[in-house]
């Protein structure tokens, strides 16, 4: 058992009231599975267009009580659904920094 084991879940639980309700749409072999999570938009900026993806790039912090999001997943946050294009995880496992584009 490492020093950081369990700290991430505890830290995420303490911070949860500061974050908004969101839904993580996890991609799997049988389609998607919806998982309620707590998240907060950290910023947005215009980014280069890619085929099928609008130019706006949203950055968010997602509390991760289980596995972190995957770039194949999507998230609904603040009434908008976003395709996750990048994920950066916290070593303690309390949160992930994601970047997403509106679907």
Protein backbone atom coordinates (compact mmCIF):
# COMPACT_ATOMS: atom_id res chain seq x y z
CA UNK A 1 0.00 0.00 0.00
CA UNK A 2 1.47 3.34 -1.07
CA UNK A 3 1.43 6.60 0.78
CA UNK A 4 -1.13 8.12 -1.58
CA UNK A 5 -3.57 5.17 -1.49
CA UNK A 6 -6.91 6.36 -0.10
CA UNK A 7 -5.88 10.02 0.19
CA UNK A 8 -7.37 10.79 -3.23
CA UNK A 9 -10.80 9.47 -2.30
CA UNK A 10 -10.77 11.37 0.98
CA UNK A 11 -9.66 14.60 -0.70
CA UNK A 12 -12.30 14.19 -3.41
CA UNK A 13 -14.99 13.72 -0.77
CA UNK A 14 -13.93 16.90 1.02
CA UNK A 15 -13.94 18.95 -2.20
CA UNK A 16 -17.16 17.50 -3.70
CA UNK A 17 -19.50 20.24 -2.37
CA UNK A 18 -17.47 22.84 -4.29
CA UNK A 19 -18.05 21.08 -7.62
CA UNK A 20 -21.13 20.85 -9.85
CA UNK A 21 -23.05 17.71 -10.74
CA UNK A 22 -22.01 16.18 -14.05
CA UNK A 23 -22.44 12.92 -15.94
CA UNK A 24 -19.49 10.98 -17.30
CA UNK A 25 -20.46 8.90 -20.33
CA UNK A 26 -17.95 6.03 -20.31
CA UNK A 27 -17.37 4.32 -23.65
CA UNK A 28 -17.35 0.54 -23.51
CA UNK A 29 -17.78 -2.48 -25.76
CA UNK A 30 -21.56 -2.46 -25.19
CA UNK A 31 -22.07 1.29 -25.74
CA UNK A 32 -21.86 3.95 -23.07
CA UNK A 33 -22.48 3.76 -19.34
CA UNK A 34 -23.49 6.93 -17.50
CA UNK A 35 -21.74 7.67 -14.20
CA UNK A 36 -22.58 10.65 -11.97
CA UNK A 37 -19.49 12.68 -11.07
CA UNK A 38 -18.65 16.08 -9.62
CA UNK A 39 -16.83 18.49 -11.95
CA UNK A 40 -16.07 22.15 -12.48
CA UNK A 41 -15.24 24.08 -15.65
CA UNK A 42 -11.77 25.55 -15.26
CA UNK A 43 -11.62 27.54 -18.50
CA UNK A 44 -12.44 27.68 -22.19
CA UNK A 45 -10.58 28.90 -25.24
CA UNK A 46 -10.81 28.85 -28.97
CA UNK A 47 -8.73 26.08 -30.56
CA UNK A 48 -8.01 24.94 -34.09
CA UNK A 49 -10.84 23.21 -35.90
CA UNK A 50 -10.64 19.47 -36.43
CA UNK A 51 -12.94 17.44 -38.68
CA UNK A 52 -16.25 16.95 -36.84
CA UNK A 53 -15.17 18.98 -33.81
CA UNK A 54 -15.96 22.66 -33.14
CA UNK A 55 -13.10 25.00 -32.31
CA UNK A 56 -13.98 25.68 -28.65
CA UNK A 57 -11.86 23.75 -26.13
CA UNK A 58 -13.13 23.46 -22.53
CA UNK A 59 -10.90 22.55 -19.60
CA UNK A 60 -12.49 20.99 -16.51
CA UNK A 61 -11.56 19.36 -13.22
CA UNK A 62 -13.38 16.08 -12.58
CA UNK A 63 -13.35 14.40 -9.15
CA UNK A 64 -12.55 10.74 -9.74
CA UNK A 65 -13.82 8.37 -7.05
CA UNK A 66 -12.99 5.44 -9.36
CA UNK A 67 -11.14 5.18 -12.62
CA UNK A 68 -10.25 8.47 -14.33
CA UNK A 69 -12.00 9.45 -17.56
CA UNK A 70 -10.63 8.16 -20.84
CA UNK A 71 -10.20 10.11 -24.10
CA UNK A 72 -12.94 7.90 -25.60
CA UNK A 73 -15.44 9.15 -22.99
CA UNK A 74 -17.77 12.15 -23.02
CA UNK A 75 -19.00 14.36 -20.17
CA UNK A 76 -22.14 16.43 -19.71
CA UNK A 77 -21.34 19.49 -17.62
CA UNK A 78 -23.22 22.78 -17.22
CA UNK A 79 -25.90 21.58 -19.64
CA UNK A 80 -23.50 20.82 -22.51
CA UNK A 81 -22.01 17.52 -23.65
CA UNK A 82 -18.30 17.43 -24.45
CA UNK A 83 -16.09 14.83 -26.12
CA UNK A 84 -12.98 14.33 -23.97
CA UNK A 85 -9.81 14.83 -26.00
CA UNK A 86 -7.13 14.88 -23.26
CA UNK A 87 -6.85 13.59 -19.68
CA UNK A 88 -4.24 14.39 -17.05
CA UNK A 89 -4.51 12.47 -13.78
CA UNK A 90 -3.57 13.38 -10.23
CA UNK A 91 -1.05 11.00 -8.57
CA UNK A 92 -3.27 10.73 -5.47
CA UNK A 93 -6.28 9.79 -7.60
CA UNK A 94 -8.54 12.58 -6.35
CA UNK A 95 -9.19 14.28 -9.68
CA UNK A 96 -8.42 14.47 -13.38
CA UNK A 97 -7.88 17.52 -15.56
CA UNK A 98 -9.66 17.03 -18.83
CA UNK A 99 -10.00 18.93 -22.07
CA UNK A 100 -13.11 18.52 -24.14
CA UNK A 101 -14.87 19.85 -27.21
CA UNK A 102 -18.62 20.38 -27.53
CA UNK A 103 -20.41 17.51 -29.27
